[in-house]
Amino acid sequence: MNWPLQDAKNQFSKVVQKARSEGPQTVTLRGEPAAVVLSAEDYDALLAGKPSLADDLLSGPAWDDEMAEAVSKRDKTPSRDVLF
């Protein structure tokens, strides 16, 4: 259901109740969709299975012995002069 912003503000508890019983409720601003009110259950389902940033970073390619050896052998001298 679409709710003009002013109506959604005035009847927010009704918007939340409908989101819980009927599904997502769209709030419009000047006739255009501006926001969606979801039940907590719908929100949790939306996030379920979505990996976190840490999960994404940790799921990169495995470091095999060849890659670890290449990293340990790389030149460790600075690429430019270091000023103290």
Protein backbone atom coordinates (compact mmCIF):
# COMPACT_ATOMS: atom_id res chain seq x y z
CA MET A 1 0.00 0.00 0.00
CA ASN A 2 1.17 3.57 -0.72
CA TRP A 3 1.06 6.20 2.00
CA PRO A 4 1.60 9.89 1.30
CA LEU A 5 4.22 11.13 3.75
CA GLN A 6 1.81 13.30 5.73
CA ASP A 7 -0.64 10.40 6.16
CA ALA A 8 2.18 8.05 7.15
CA LYS A 9 3.35 10.55 9.78
CA ASN A 10 -0.15 11.02 11.17
CA GLN A 11 -0.95 7.29 11.22
CA PHE A 12 2.47 5.79 11.82
CA SER A 13 1.21 3.09 14.20
CA LYS A 14 -1.27 1.98 11.52
CA VAL A 15 1.51 1.91 8.91
CA VAL A 16 3.59 -0.31 11.22
CA GLN A 17 0.63 -2.59 11.97
CA LYS A 18 -0.06 -3.01 8.24
CA ALA A 19 3.62 -3.69 7.56
CA ARG A 20 3.47 -6.48 10.13
CA SER A 21 0.19 -7.98 8.89
CA GLU A 22 0.10 -7.19 5.15
CA GLY A 23 3.72 -6.68 4.12
CA PRO A 24 5.89 -3.73 3.12
CA GLN A 25 4.27 -0.29 3.10
CA THR A 26 5.55 2.35 0.68
CA VAL A 27 5.74 5.99 1.77
CA THR A 28 5.55 8.51 -1.04
CA LEU A 29 6.83 12.06 -1.29
CA ARG A 30 5.13 14.20 -3.92
CA GLY A 31 3.71 11.04 -5.46
CA GLU A 32 7.08 9.31 -5.82
CA PRO A 33 8.19 6.32 -3.70
CA ALA A 34 10.50 7.63 -0.97
CA ALA A 35 10.73 4.92 1.69
CA VAL A 36 9.45 1.48 2.62
CA VAL A 37 8.34 0.38 6.07
CA LEU A 38 9.06 -3.31 6.70
CA SER A 39 8.21 -5.57 9.59
CA ALA A 40 11.20 -6.72 11.62
CA GLU A 41 10.54 -10.25 10.33
CA ASP A 42 10.69 -9.10 6.69
CA TYR A 43 13.84 -7.09 7.40
CA ASP A 44 15.56 -10.08 9.03
CA ALA A 45 14.60 -12.28 6.06
CA LEU A 46 16.03 -9.68 3.70
CA LEU A 47 19.37 -9.75 5.53
CA ALA A 48 19.49 -13.52 6.01
CA GLY A 49 22.33 -15.10 4.13
CA LYS A 50 23.84 -11.76 3.16
CA PRO A 51 27.53 -11.89 4.08
CA SER A 52 29.06 -9.12 6.15
CA LEU A 53 32.04 -7.10 4.93
CA ALA A 54 34.30 -9.22 7.14
CA ASP A 55 32.86 -12.39 5.59
CA ASP A 56 33.52 -11.01 2.10
CA LEU A 57 37.11 -10.08 2.95
CA LEU A 58 37.84 -13.39 4.62
CA SER A 59 36.38 -15.40 1.74
CA GLY A 60 39.08 -14.30 -0.68
CA PRO A 61 41.44 -16.75 -2.35
CA ALA A 62 43.33 -19.12 -0.10
CA TRP A 63 47.02 -18.42 0.41
CA ASP A 64 48.86 -21.46 -0.75
CA ASP A 65 52.56 -22.10 -0.07
CA GLU A 66 53.59 -20.58 -3.41
CA MET A 67 51.83 -17.27 -2.69
CA ALA A 68 53.19 -17.10 0.87
CA GLU A 69 56.72 -17.72 -0.43
CA ALA A 70 56.38 -15.00 -3.09
CA VAL A 71 55.27 -12.48 -0.46
CA SER A 72 58.13 -13.37 1.87
CA LYS A 73 60.71 -12.98 -0.95
CA ARG A 74 59.52 -9.60 -2.23
CA ASP A 75 61.88 -6.65 -2.02
CA LYS A 76 61.27 -4.89 1.28
CA THR A 77 63.23 -1.73 0.49
CA PRO A 78 61.10 1.40 0.34
CA SER A 79 60.07 2.51 -3.15
CA ARG A 80 61.12 6.09 -2.29
CA ASP A 81 63.40 7.78 0.18
CA VAL A 82 62.10 7.98 3.72
CA LEU A 83 62.71 11.37 5.37
CA PHE A 84 63.11 11.57 9.11
